[in-house]
């Protein structure tokens, strides 16, 4: 059995924004997240990988009563 362990360094930098809106028993949340990542191979500089990721999210909520909430995301 062979065990392979990578000699890498991972760096991730991200930021996000979120917007919340409520109207009566309805609530909605919209979000946007941006990440920049870089994976550096310490044994071979030609194998470095970098990229960007943009993620979105929307959630809709409805208060059925004071303790129960329906949610779709």
Protein backbone atom coordinates (compact mmCIF):
# COMPACT_ATOMS: atom_id res chain seq x y z
CA UNK A 1 0.00 0.00 0.00
CA UNK A 2 1.33 3.41 -0.99
CA UNK A 3 0.50 6.60 0.92
CA UNK A 4 0.70 9.90 -0.96
CA UNK A 5 0.90 13.13 1.02
CA UNK A 6 0.99 16.46 -0.81
CA UNK A 7 3.42 19.17 0.17
CA UNK A 8 1.19 22.16 -0.55
CA UNK A 9 0.24 25.55 0.84
CA UNK A 10 -3.34 26.84 0.50
CA UNK A 11 -4.30 30.53 0.66
CA UNK A 12 -7.93 31.71 0.42
CA UNK A 13 -9.14 35.33 0.59
CA UNK A 14 -12.86 36.08 0.45
CA UNK A 15 -15.49 38.75 0.91
CA UNK A 16 -19.27 38.73 1.05
CA UNK A 17 -22.32 40.97 0.98
CA UNK A 18 -25.81 40.21 2.28
CA UNK A 19 -29.18 41.93 1.90
CA UNK A 20 -32.14 41.20 4.22
CA UNK A 21 -35.72 42.33 3.62
CA UNK A 22 -38.83 41.72 5.73
CA UNK A 23 -42.47 42.36 4.87
CA UNK A 24 -44.96 41.12 7.45
CA UNK A 25 -44.45 37.36 7.95
CA UNK A 26 -42.23 37.07 4.86
CA UNK A 27 -38.45 37.48 4.92
CA UNK A 28 -35.88 37.17 2.18
CA UNK A 29 -32.11 37.12 2.27
CA UNK A 30 -29.83 37.47 -0.76
CA UNK A 31 -26.09 37.00 -0.55
CA UNK A 32 -23.02 37.14 -2.75
CA UNK A 33 -19.59 35.73 -1.88
CA UNK A 34 -16.31 36.08 -3.79
CA UNK A 35 -13.27 33.90 -3.03
CA UNK A 36 -9.79 33.94 -4.52
CA UNK A 37 -7.69 30.84 -3.88
CA UNK A 38 -4.13 29.79 -4.57
CA UNK A 39 -2.67 26.33 -4.03
CA UNK A 40 1.12 26.32 -4.13
CA UNK A 41 2.98 23.07 -4.71
CA UNK A 42 6.16 23.32 -2.63
CA UNK A 43 7.93 20.60 -4.63
CA UNK A 44 7.22 21.88 -8.14
CA UNK A 45 6.46 25.52 -8.93
CA UNK A 46 4.87 24.56 -12.27
CA UNK A 47 1.94 22.84 -10.52
CA UNK A 48 0.53 25.92 -8.74
CA UNK A 49 -3.21 26.46 -9.14
CA UNK A 50 -5.16 29.69 -8.62
CA UNK A 51 -8.71 30.74 -9.30
CA UNK A 52 -11.78 32.71 -8.35
CA UNK A 53 -15.18 31.52 -7.14
CA UNK A 54 -18.39 33.59 -7.09
CA UNK A 55 -21.25 32.09 -5.04
CA UNK A 56 -24.82 33.33 -4.72
CA UNK A 57 -27.56 32.44 -2.25
CA UNK A 58 -31.22 33.39 -1.90
CA UNK A 59 -33.41 32.33 1.01
CA UNK A 60 -37.16 32.86 1.36
CA UNK A 61 -38.76 32.49 4.80
CA UNK A 62 -42.31 32.62 6.11
CA UNK A 63 -43.25 32.72 9.80
CA UNK A 64 -46.08 30.21 10.25
CA UNK A 65 -46.37 31.28 13.91
CA UNK A 66 -44.03 32.57 16.64
CA UNK A 67 -41.97 29.38 16.83
CA UNK A 68 -42.32 27.68 13.40
CA UNK A 69 -40.80 29.02 10.20
CA UNK A 70 -40.94 27.64 6.64
CA UNK A 71 -37.75 28.16 4.63
CA UNK A 72 -36.68 27.63 1.02
CA UNK A 73 -33.08 28.17 -0.01
